[in-house]
Protein backbone atom coordinates (compact mmCIF):
# COMPACT_ATOMS: atom_id res chain seq x y z
CA MET A 1 -28.30 -87.75 -26.93
CA CYS A 2 -29.69 -84.31 -27.49
CA GLY A 3 -33.03 -82.82 -25.65
CA GLY A 4 -35.76 -81.09 -27.39
CA GLY A 5 -34.74 -77.93 -28.90
CA GLY A 6 -31.20 -79.10 -30.06
CA GLN A 7 -29.46 -78.51 -26.61
CA PRO A 8 -27.11 -81.07 -25.80
CA ALA A 9 -28.43 -82.98 -22.43
CA GLY A 10 -26.67 -82.59 -18.97
CA ARG A 11 -26.16 -78.39 -19.77
CA MET A 12 -28.16 -76.71 -17.80
CA ARG A 13 -28.49 -72.87 -17.49
CA VAL A 14 -27.91 -71.79 -13.64
CA LYS A 15 -28.58 -67.88 -12.79
CA VAL A 16 -25.92 -67.28 -10.12
CA LEU A 17 -26.03 -64.38 -7.47
CA SER A 18 -22.83 -62.72 -7.51
CA ARG A 19 -21.57 -60.12 -5.01
CA ASN A 20 -17.86 -58.55 -5.20
CA PRO A 21 -17.63 -57.10 -1.13
CA ASP A 22 -15.60 -54.43 -2.04
CA ASP A 23 -18.98 -52.96 -2.75
CA TYR A 24 -20.24 -53.00 0.32
CA VAL A 25 -17.49 -53.99 3.12
CA ARG A 26 -15.94 -51.18 4.74
CA GLU A 27 -12.14 -51.13 4.61
CA THR A 28 -11.76 -50.16 8.22
CA LYS A 29 -14.57 -49.67 10.60
CA LEU A 30 -14.03 -45.48 10.74
CA ASP A 31 -15.19 -45.34 7.07
CA LEU A 32 -18.75 -45.03 6.79
CA GLN A 33 -21.09 -47.66 5.37
CA ARG A 34 -21.56 -48.33 1.92
CA VAL A 35 -24.91 -48.20 0.55
CA PRO A 36 -25.61 -50.20 -2.45
CA ARG A 37 -27.35 -47.90 -4.89
CA ASN A 38 -29.65 -48.88 -8.01
CA TYR A 39 -29.73 -45.77 -10.44
CA ASP A 40 -32.40 -47.00 -12.70
CA PRO A 41 -34.26 -43.63 -13.15
CA VAL A 42 -37.48 -45.90 -12.65
CA LEU A 43 -36.90 -46.17 -9.32
CA HIS A 44 -36.24 -42.56 -8.63
CA PRO A 45 -39.60 -40.63 -9.72
CA PHE A 46 -39.11 -37.33 -7.89
CA GLU A 47 -35.22 -36.63 -8.81
CA VAL A 48 -35.62 -33.33 -10.65
CA PRO A 49 -37.53 -31.77 -7.87
CA ARG A 50 -35.44 -33.11 -5.10
CA GLU A 51 -32.31 -31.39 -7.11
CA TYR A 52 -34.00 -28.57 -7.55
CA THR A 53 -34.80 -27.98 -3.65
CA ARG A 54 -30.78 -28.55 -3.13
CA ALA A 55 -29.95 -26.56 -5.66
CA LEU A 56 -31.95 -23.43 -3.95
CA ASN A 57 -30.66 -24.51 -0.42
CA ALA A 58 -27.04 -24.57 -1.76
CA THR A 59 -27.43 -20.62 -3.69
CA LYS A 60 -29.42 -19.70 -0.67
CA LEU A 61 -26.18 -21.15 1.55
CA GLU A 62 -23.55 -19.40 -0.68
CA ARG A 63 -25.40 -16.05 0.00
CA VAL A 64 -25.52 -16.61 3.68
CA PHE A 65 -21.42 -17.84 3.61
CA ALA A 66 -20.40 -14.93 1.22
CA LYS A 67 -18.17 -13.09 3.61
CA PRO A 68 -15.58 -11.58 1.31
CA PHE A 69 -13.72 -8.76 3.57
CA LEU A 70 -10.70 -10.48 5.29
CA SER A 71 -8.42 -7.82 6.52
CA SER A 72 -7.30 -4.30 6.24
CA LEU A 73 -3.59 -3.47 6.15
CA ASP A 74 -3.06 0.12 7.63
CA GLY A 75 0.27 1.57 7.76
CA HIS A 76 0.09 4.40 4.94
CA ARG A 77 0.02 7.85 6.30
CA ASP A 78 -1.78 9.03 3.03
CA GLY A 79 -3.58 7.66 -0.08
CA VAL A 80 -2.23 4.50 -1.59
CA ASN A 81 -1.68 5.42 -5.36
CA CYS A 82 -0.19 2.33 -6.57
CA MET A 83 0.65 -1.51 -5.96
CA ALA A 84 2.44 -3.93 -7.66
CA LYS A 85 2.72 -7.86 -7.07
CA HIS A 86 5.88 -9.78 -6.42
CA PRO A 87 6.67 -12.18 -9.21
CA LYS A 88 8.03 -15.03 -7.02
CA SER A 89 6.37 -14.56 -3.87
CA LEU A 90 2.84 -15.02 -3.27
CA SER A 91 2.80 -13.61 -0.07
CA THR A 92 4.53 -10.22 -1.00
CA VAL A 93 2.96 -7.16 -2.10
CA LEU A 94 4.46 -3.49 -2.82
CA SER A 95 2.38 -0.20 -2.08
CA GLY A 96 3.08 3.45 -3.23
CA ALA A 97 1.93 6.15 -1.51
CA CYS A 98 0.71 9.77 -2.30
CA ASP A 99 3.36 11.36 0.36
CA GLY A 100 6.49 9.19 -1.36
CA GLU A 101 6.51 6.22 0.76
CA VAL A 102 6.55 2.58 -0.37
CA LYS A 103 5.67 -0.19 1.85
CA ILE A 104 6.56 -4.05 1.30
CA TRP A 105 4.01 -6.30 2.64
CA ASN A 106 3.71 -9.70 4.14
CA LEU A 107 0.35 -11.17 3.27
CA THR A 108 0.26 -14.31 5.50
CA LYS A 109 1.40 -12.55 8.65
CA ARG A 110 -0.92 -9.23 7.22
CA GLN A 111 2.13 -6.79 8.36
CA CYS A 112 4.10 -4.31 6.75
CA ILE A 113 7.98 -5.80 6.53
CA ARG A 114 9.67 -2.55 5.34
CA THR A 115 8.77 0.95 4.85
CA LEU A 116 10.85 3.26 2.68
CA GLN A 117 10.71 7.32 1.69
CA ALA A 118 11.32 6.55 -2.03
CA HIS A 119 10.34 10.13 -3.59
CA GLU A 120 9.06 13.77 -2.77
CA GLY A 121 5.60 13.85 -3.66
CA PHE A 122 3.46 11.09 -5.01
CA VAL A 123 4.87 7.63 -6.09
CA ARG A 124 3.29 7.94 -9.24
CA GLY A 125 3.97 3.58 -10.25
CA ILE A 126 5.74 0.93 -9.11
CA CYS A 127 6.96 -2.36 -10.70
CA ALA A 128 8.67 -5.41 -9.53
CA ARG A 129 11.89 -6.65 -11.72
CA PHE A 130 10.50 -10.25 -13.44
CA CYS A 131 13.12 -12.01 -11.23
CA GLY A 132 11.68 -10.74 -8.24
CA THR A 133 15.17 -9.17 -6.93
CA SER A 134 14.48 -5.64 -7.40
CA PHE A 135 11.45 -3.08 -7.78
CA PHE A 136 11.39 0.30 -9.55
CA THR A 137 9.56 3.65 -8.68
CA VAL A 138 8.65 6.90 -10.38
CA GLY A 139 7.38 9.38 -8.34
CA ASP A 140 6.42 13.61 -8.62
CA ASP A 141 10.54 14.44 -8.29
CA LYS A 142 11.17 13.34 -11.90
CA THR A 143 13.23 10.58 -10.84
CA VAL A 144 12.82 6.23 -11.67
CA LYS A 145 14.72 4.90 -8.85
CA GLN A 146 15.77 0.96 -8.39
CA TRP A 147 15.57 -0.60 -5.03
CA LYS A 148 16.62 -4.04 -3.75
CA MET A 149 13.65 -6.34 -2.62
CA GLU A 150 15.65 -7.14 0.21
CA SER A 151 15.66 -5.13 3.54
CA PRO A 152 19.22 -3.54 4.04
CA GLU A 153 21.88 -5.40 6.18
CA TYR A 154 22.04 -3.76 9.92
CA GLY A 155 23.48 -0.37 9.84
CA GLU A 156 23.16 -0.05 6.41
CA GLU A 157 21.57 3.01 4.72
CA GLU A 158 18.06 2.50 3.02
CA GLU A 159 19.50 3.70 -0.88
CA PRO A 160 18.37 3.26 -4.21
CA ILE A 161 20.43 0.98 -6.23
CA HIS A 162 20.01 3.29 -9.37
CA THR A 163 18.63 6.61 -9.91
CA ILE A 164 17.59 8.16 -12.91
CA LEU A 165 16.90 11.92 -13.13
CA GLY A 166 14.62 12.83 -15.92
CA LYS A 167 13.27 16.01 -17.90
CA THR A 168 9.58 15.88 -17.04
CA VAL A 169 7.35 13.96 -14.42
CA TYR A 170 6.76 10.19 -15.07
CA THR A 171 3.31 8.91 -14.40
CA GLY A 172 3.74 5.33 -14.78
CA ILE A 173 6.29 2.63 -15.08
CA ASP A 174 6.28 -1.16 -16.18
CA HIS A 175 8.63 -3.88 -16.29
CA HIS A 176 9.30 -6.27 -19.63
CA TRP A 177 8.40 -10.03 -18.65
CA LYS A 178 11.49 -11.46 -19.72
CA GLU A 179 14.75 -8.74 -20.30
CA ALA A 180 16.10 -6.14 -18.64
CA VAL A 181 13.86 -3.33 -20.09
CA PHE A 182 11.54 -1.31 -18.89
CA ALA A 183 9.07 1.13 -20.01
CA THR A 184 8.09 4.85 -18.50
CA CYS A 185 5.49 7.22 -19.22
CA GLY A 186 4.69 11.09 -18.97
CA HIS A 187 5.23 13.26 -21.95
CA GLN A 188 6.06 10.53 -24.08
CA VAL A 189 6.64 6.49 -23.90
CA ASP A 190 10.39 5.81 -23.15
CA ILE A 191 12.02 2.35 -23.53
CA TRP A 192 14.80 2.28 -21.02
CA ASP A 193 17.74 -0.64 -20.23
CA GLU A 194 18.63 -1.38 -16.95
CA GLN A 195 22.31 -0.64 -17.38
CA ARG A 196 21.76 2.90 -19.13
CA THR A 197 21.12 6.18 -17.80
CA SER A 198 19.42 7.47 -20.93
CA PRO A 199 16.27 5.78 -22.92
CA MET A 200 16.98 3.41 -25.64
CA CYS A 201 14.62 4.95 -27.71
CA SER A 202 11.55 7.32 -26.94
CA LEU A 203 8.04 6.67 -28.43
CA THR A 204 5.24 9.65 -29.13
CA TRP A 205 2.24 10.25 -30.87
CA GLY A 206 0.33 13.41 -30.32
CA PHE A 207 1.58 15.89 -27.59
CA ASP A 208 -0.20 14.99 -24.63
CA SER A 209 0.54 13.46 -21.26
CA ILE A 210 0.43 9.71 -21.19
CA SER A 211 -1.22 7.92 -17.72
CA SER A 212 -0.20 4.31 -18.14
CA VAL A 213 2.01 2.10 -19.95
CA LYS A 214 1.77 -1.82 -19.85
CA PHE A 215 3.85 -4.44 -21.41
CA ASN A 216 1.98 -7.50 -22.93
CA PRO A 217 2.69 -10.61 -20.89
CA ILE A 218 2.68 -12.89 -24.23
CA GLU A 219 3.71 -11.20 -26.96
CA THR A 220 6.29 -9.33 -24.82
CA TYR A 221 7.56 -6.74 -27.27
CA LEU A 222 4.41 -5.36 -27.55
CA LEU A 223 2.94 -2.17 -25.15
CA GLY A 224 0.11 -0.12 -24.71
CA SER A 225 -0.44 3.12 -23.11
CA CYS A 226 -3.12 5.47 -22.25
CA ALA A 227 -2.87 9.08 -23.11
CA SER A 228 -5.18 11.97 -21.57
CA ASP A 229 -6.26 12.97 -24.91
CA ARG A 230 -8.58 9.91 -25.08
CA ASN A 231 -6.42 7.80 -27.16
CA ILE A 232 -5.28 4.27 -26.32
CA VAL A 233 -1.88 3.93 -28.29
CA LEU A 234 -0.40 0.25 -28.81
CA TYR A 235 3.55 -0.08 -29.60
CA ASP A 236 5.69 -2.46 -31.14
CA MET A 237 9.35 -2.36 -29.10
CA ARG A 238 11.26 -3.99 -32.50
CA GLN A 239 10.03 -1.29 -34.64
CA SER A 240 10.38 1.51 -32.10
CA THR A 241 7.22 3.07 -33.79
CA PRO A 242 3.71 3.45 -32.42
CA LEU A 243 1.40 0.78 -34.64
CA LYS A 244 -2.17 2.16 -33.98
CA LYS A 245 -4.27 4.03 -31.61
CA VAL A 246 -7.71 4.08 -30.93
CA ILE A 247 -9.70 7.31 -29.82
CA LEU A 248 -12.91 7.11 -27.38
CA LYS A 249 -15.33 9.55 -26.41
CA MET A 250 -13.61 9.74 -22.84
CA ARG A 251 -10.26 9.51 -21.57
CA THR A 252 -9.06 5.68 -20.62
CA ASN A 253 -7.28 5.79 -16.93
CA THR A 254 -5.43 2.39 -17.50
CA LEU A 255 -5.26 -0.82 -19.68
CA CYS A 256 -4.38 -4.47 -18.82
CA TRP A 257 -3.38 -7.38 -21.07
CA ASN A 258 -5.18 -10.58 -20.89
CA PRO A 259 -2.81 -12.85 -19.60
CA MET A 260 -4.09 -16.14 -21.43
CA GLU A 261 -4.50 -14.41 -24.68
CA ALA A 262 -2.39 -12.29 -26.54
CA PHE A 263 -4.38 -10.00 -28.42
CA ILE A 264 -7.25 -9.04 -25.85
CA PHE A 265 -6.76 -6.14 -23.33
CA THR A 266 -9.17 -4.14 -20.93
CA ALA A 267 -9.47 -0.52 -20.78
CA ALA A 268 -10.74 1.38 -17.57
CA ASN A 269 -12.55 4.63 -18.70
CA GLU A 270 -13.78 8.10 -17.40
CA ASP A 271 -17.58 7.28 -18.80
CA TYR A 272 -18.04 4.59 -16.18
CA ASN A 273 -17.37 1.61 -18.41
CA LEU A 274 -14.56 -1.13 -19.13
CA TYR A 275 -13.78 -1.70 -23.08
CA SER A 276 -12.39 -5.26 -23.94
CA PHE A 277 -10.62 -4.66 -27.27
CA ASP A 278 -8.78 -7.22 -29.50
CA MET A 279 -5.67 -5.43 -30.95
CA ARG A 280 -6.01 -6.32 -34.18
CA PHE A 281 -9.77 -5.23 -34.51
CA LEU A 282 -10.13 -1.71 -32.78
CA ALA A 283 -12.80 -0.64 -34.60
CA SER A 284 -15.22 -1.67 -32.09
CA PRO A 285 -14.57 -3.40 -28.68
CA VAL A 286 -15.06 -7.64 -27.91
CA MET A 287 -17.10 -6.29 -25.12
CA VAL A 288 -18.75 -3.22 -23.44
CA HIS A 289 -18.76 -4.06 -19.58
CA MET A 290 -21.26 -1.76 -17.60
CA ASP A 291 -22.14 -1.63 -13.97
CA HIS A 292 -19.93 1.33 -12.38
CA VAL A 293 -21.56 4.65 -11.56
CA SER A 294 -18.45 6.70 -11.77
CA ALA A 295 -15.07 6.49 -13.58
CA VAL A 296 -13.28 3.46 -13.60
CA LEU A 297 -9.78 3.99 -12.09
CA ASP A 298 -7.87 0.82 -12.37
CA VAL A 299 -8.45 -2.56 -13.84
CA ASP A 300 -6.54 -6.09 -13.23
CA TYR A 301 -7.03 -9.56 -14.52
CA SER A 302 -7.05 -12.59 -12.78
CA PRO A 303 -4.09 -15.14 -13.53
CA THR A 304 -6.80 -17.51 -15.49
CA GLY A 305 -7.47 -14.80 -17.78
CA LYS A 306 -11.28 -15.54 -17.28
CA GLU A 307 -12.49 -12.52 -15.13
CA PHE A 308 -10.84 -9.25 -13.80
CA VAL A 309 -11.36 -6.62 -11.29
CA SER A 310 -11.86 -2.96 -11.46
CA ALA A 311 -11.84 -0.38 -9.25
CA SER A 312 -13.84 3.03 -9.52
CA PHE A 313 -14.38 6.01 -7.88
CA ASP A 314 -17.82 5.18 -6.93
CA LYS A 315 -16.05 3.62 -3.88
CA SER A 316 -16.43 -0.09 -4.96
CA ILE A 317 -14.89 -2.82 -6.45
CA ARG A 318 -16.42 -5.32 -9.44
CA ILE A 319 -15.64 -8.51 -10.56
CA PHE A 320 -16.74 -9.10 -14.25
CA PRO A 321 -16.25 -12.09 -16.07
CA VAL A 322 -14.36 -11.77 -19.53
CA ASP A 323 -17.41 -12.68 -21.96
CA LYS A 324 -20.09 -10.60 -19.95
CA GLY A 325 -21.39 -7.22 -19.89
CA HIS A 326 -22.26 -6.99 -16.28
CA SER A 327 -20.28 -7.86 -13.33
CA ARG A 328 -21.42 -11.07 -11.15
CA GLU A 329 -19.77 -9.33 -7.70
CA ILE A 330 -19.24 -5.87 -6.42
CA TYR A 331 -17.42 -5.30 -2.98
CA HIS A 332 -17.56 -2.18 -0.83
CA THR A 333 -17.44 -1.16 3.01
CA LYS A 334 -18.70 1.96 4.84
CA ARG A 335 -15.29 3.40 5.43
CA MET A 336 -13.43 2.50 1.99
CA GLN A 337 -13.27 5.51 -0.21
CA HIS A 338 -12.45 6.25 -3.69
CA VAL A 339 -10.55 3.10 -4.75
CA ILE A 340 -7.49 4.11 -6.92
CA THR A 341 -5.51 0.66 -7.42
CA VAL A 342 -6.67 -2.84 -7.44
CA LYS A 343 -4.71 -5.93 -8.11
CA TRP A 344 -5.51 -9.42 -8.24
CA THR A 345 -3.08 -12.19 -6.47
CA SER A 346 -0.98 -14.80 -8.70
CA ASP A 347 -2.90 -17.72 -6.97
CA ASN A 348 -6.39 -16.65 -8.12
CA LYS A 349 -7.52 -16.48 -4.69
CA TYR A 350 -7.59 -12.97 -3.51
CA ILE A 351 -7.84 -9.65 -4.13
CA LEU A 352 -6.25 -6.31 -2.92
CA CYS A 353 -7.14 -2.85 -3.28
CA GLY A 354 -5.87 0.46 -2.33
CA SER A 355 -8.03 3.46 -1.59
CA ASP A 356 -8.04 6.89 -0.69
CA GLU A 357 -8.28 6.49 3.03
CA MET A 358 -5.05 5.25 3.45
CA ASN A 359 -6.00 1.32 3.59
CA ILE A 360 -5.19 -1.77 1.61
CA ARG A 361 -8.08 -4.19 2.01
CA LEU A 362 -7.44 -8.08 1.29
CA TRP A 363 -10.84 -9.56 -0.10
CA LYS A 364 -11.51 -13.03 -1.22
CA ALA A 365 -11.90 -13.71 -5.29
CA ASN A 366 -15.01 -15.62 -4.53
CA ALA A 367 -16.96 -14.39 -1.84
CA SER A 368 -18.58 -17.54 0.01
CA GLU A 369 -15.27 -19.81 -0.61
CA LYS A 370 -14.44 -21.52 2.48
CA LEU A 371 -10.69 -21.04 3.18
CA GLY A 372 -8.39 -23.62 4.30
CA VAL A 373 -8.23 -27.10 3.91
CA LEU A 374 -11.07 -29.08 2.75
CA THR A 375 -11.80 -32.72 3.72
CA PRO A 376 -12.40 -35.06 0.80
CA ARG A 377 -16.42 -35.12 1.76
CA GLU A 378 -16.62 -31.25 1.81
CA LYS A 379 -14.97 -31.11 -1.67
CA ALA A 380 -17.22 -33.40 -3.03
CA ALA A 381 -20.33 -31.57 -1.67
CA MET A 382 -19.03 -28.47 -2.82
CA ASN A 383 -18.45 -29.71 -6.44
CA TYR A 384 -21.93 -31.47 -6.24
CA ASN A 385 -23.65 -27.96 -5.15
CA GLN A 386 -21.64 -26.14 -7.83
CA LYS A 387 -23.13 -28.43 -10.43
CA LEU A 388 -26.69 -28.14 -8.95
CA LYS A 389 -26.39 -24.46 -9.29
CA GLU A 390 -25.17 -24.67 -12.88
CA LYS A 391 -28.03 -27.03 -14.12
CA PHE A 392 -30.61 -24.73 -12.33
CA GLN A 393 -28.82 -21.54 -13.02
CA TYR A 394 -31.93 -19.98 -15.02
CA HIS A 395 -34.72 -20.76 -12.62
CA PRO A 396 -36.27 -17.46 -11.78
CA GLN A 397 -35.88 -18.07 -8.10
CA ILE A 398 -32.53 -19.37 -8.28
CA LYS A 399 -31.64 -16.77 -10.44
CA ARG A 400 -32.86 -13.93 -8.27
CA ILE A 401 -31.31 -15.15 -5.70
CA ALA A 402 -28.13 -15.81 -7.07
CA ARG A 403 -27.99 -12.34 -8.68
CA HIS A 404 -29.25 -10.24 -5.67
CA ARG A 405 -26.63 -7.79 -4.13
CA HIS A 406 -26.92 -4.92 -1.14
CA LEU A 407 -25.61 -1.92 -2.71
CA PRO A 408 -24.82 1.00 -0.60
CA LYS A 409 -27.71 3.70 -0.87
CA SER A 410 -25.41 6.37 -2.99
CA ILE A 411 -24.76 3.80 -5.70
CA PHE A 412 -28.42 2.44 -5.68
CA CYS A 413 -29.61 5.76 -6.34
CA GLN A 414 -27.20 6.52 -8.92
CA VAL A 415 -28.05 3.12 -10.51
CA LYS A 416 -31.54 3.93 -10.67
CA GLU A 417 -30.98 7.51 -11.92
CA GLN A 418 -28.70 6.18 -15.14
CA ARG A 419 -31.54 3.48 -15.93
CA ILE A 420 -33.86 6.31 -16.27
CA MET A 421 -31.66 8.57 -18.36
CA LYS A 422 -30.92 5.79 -20.78
CA GLU A 423 -34.47 4.99 -20.82
CA ALA A 424 -35.20 8.69 -21.80
CA ARG A 425 -32.40 8.62 -24.21
CA ARG A 426 -33.41 5.42 -25.78
CA ARG A 427 -37.21 6.81 -26.18
CA LYS A 428 -35.74 10.28 -27.66
CA GLU A 429 -33.98 8.19 -30.54
CA GLN A 430 -36.84 6.29 -30.89
CA ASN A 431 -39.45 9.34 -31.71
CA ARG A 432 -36.58 10.91 -33.66
CA ARG A 433 -36.49 7.73 -35.69
CA LYS A 434 -40.25 7.49 -36.06
CA HIS A 435 -40.41 11.06 -37.60
CA SER A 436 -37.68 11.05 -39.81
CA LYS A 437 -36.97 10.00 -43.40
CA PRO A 438 -36.47 5.79 -43.19
CA GLY A 439 -32.56 5.37 -42.76
CA SER A 440 -31.67 9.04 -41.88
CA VAL A 441 -31.16 8.21 -38.17
CA PRO A 442 -29.17 4.81 -38.39
CA PHE A 443 -28.90 2.12 -35.51
CA VAL A 444 -25.33 2.31 -33.97
CA SER A 445 -24.80 -0.57 -31.61
CA GLU A 446 -23.51 0.13 -28.12
CA LYS A 447 -19.96 -1.17 -29.01
CA LYS A 448 -19.54 1.07 -31.91
CA LYS A 449 -21.29 4.21 -29.87
CA HIS A 450 -17.80 4.92 -27.85
CA ILE A 451 -15.58 4.81 -30.38
CA VAL A 452 -14.51 7.81 -32.21
CA ALA A 453 -11.63 6.71 -34.87
CA VAL A 454 -9.02 4.28 -35.31
CA VAL A 455 -5.79 5.75 -36.50
CA LYS A 456 -3.03 3.35 -38.30
C-alpha cells in the first residue's frame, strides 16, 4: 500500500543527532578542554578586525623580542681578517687574524679550543677541506700551509702537514667542493693539486692583483675571482682558461656563489652596493642591493640560498633577501668596528662576523626567534602569528613597525646625506633632459649604471 506522494507506507525520515565523542572528550585530564567550533563566517562578523589587532600585536612583540646578539668570542690579539666554516661540524669555526694567528672555536661552549701561529704577518685566507680532516691557510709570508683539524697529541709539535712556498703573496684561498684540489689567488689564480708543490695550472687575464677566489658549490669546476682593476673574472677549470669578465665602475672586494642556484653569485663592491649577477647574462645584474653607507667588505649566503649577509666598513652587517634591493635587517653594536669578514652557519640559524677590534660576534639570523625547544602550542602560535603578519604586511601601521630599525647616529646621518645627494643627481639629470634635444640624454636603469663592459 502506498501513501500520498508515492512513498511506501511505513517508511519515515528521521533526523538523528550524531556526536562523535572524539570531538569533545579529552584523552587525558591533563589535556586542554576541546571547544566545538562552528566556522560559518556568518557567525563571526568581526573576524578581520580581530585578526588585524592580533597581527599588530604580533608585529609589536616581534620588535620587542628582537635581541639578535648572542655572544662575543674574544681571544684574538689583532683584527680578525678571515673565517671558515667546518664542512661537517656545525659547532666548529676557524678564524685567522692580522698577526698570523689561527684559532679554532667551539660555538656550543663559546670557547677557543686551539690556537696556532700559522704565518708571519696577516692570515690572508683560510678554508677547510671538504671532508673536514684538514684546513689550508695563506699568509703574507708567501706560503700556503695545510694543517690537521685535530689538535696535536700530547708532546707533539704544532706543525703543518704541508707547506708550499710561492713566489708572490697569496691574498685568498678556496677549496674544491668534491676533489682534492684548491685555488689560490694573488698575482694570478693558481689551481693546485694537494699532492703537488707546483700549481696544475695558472689562470691570468690582465695584470692586476686578485683579491678573492671562490669555487661554485654546484657546478664545482667553475670559479669566480675579483681583481683590483675592477674586474670580476669567471674561469672554467676544465678548459684552464678564463671564460668572461665583467668590469664595474668600482672595485669588487669579494663574491659569493648562491648554494642553491648554480649561475647566481653576489659581489660586494666598494661603491656601497652589492650586485647579484647571473653568470650567463653579465651585461646587467639581476638585482642591485643598496643600503650600506660605506664599502662592502664581505658577503656570505645562507644555506637556503634565499638570503645573504653582508659586512661593511660602516661598522654594521645587513641581511638582504636575494630578490629585494633593500635589507630586511641591520645588526650593529657600540663596540663593533669595521666588519671585515662574515659567515652564515650551515644550520641557517646563526651569523658570525669578525671585525677590526679583535672580536668575533655571534648573532641570530632571525632577530626575534626563540632559541631552544618549542612546545607544540608555541609552534602553533608562532606559525599563526607569522601567517597573520604576512596577511596584513602591507597595512601602513604594521608595515611601519615591522620596517623600523634604530640606526647608529653616524649611519643615520650618512643615509640622510646620501638621500639628498641622490635626489640632487636625479634633479640635475631631469633638468639636463628638459633642456636638450629629445633622446640625447637617455634613461639609464640603476642596474646598467654601474657596469662598464663585459669581455668574453
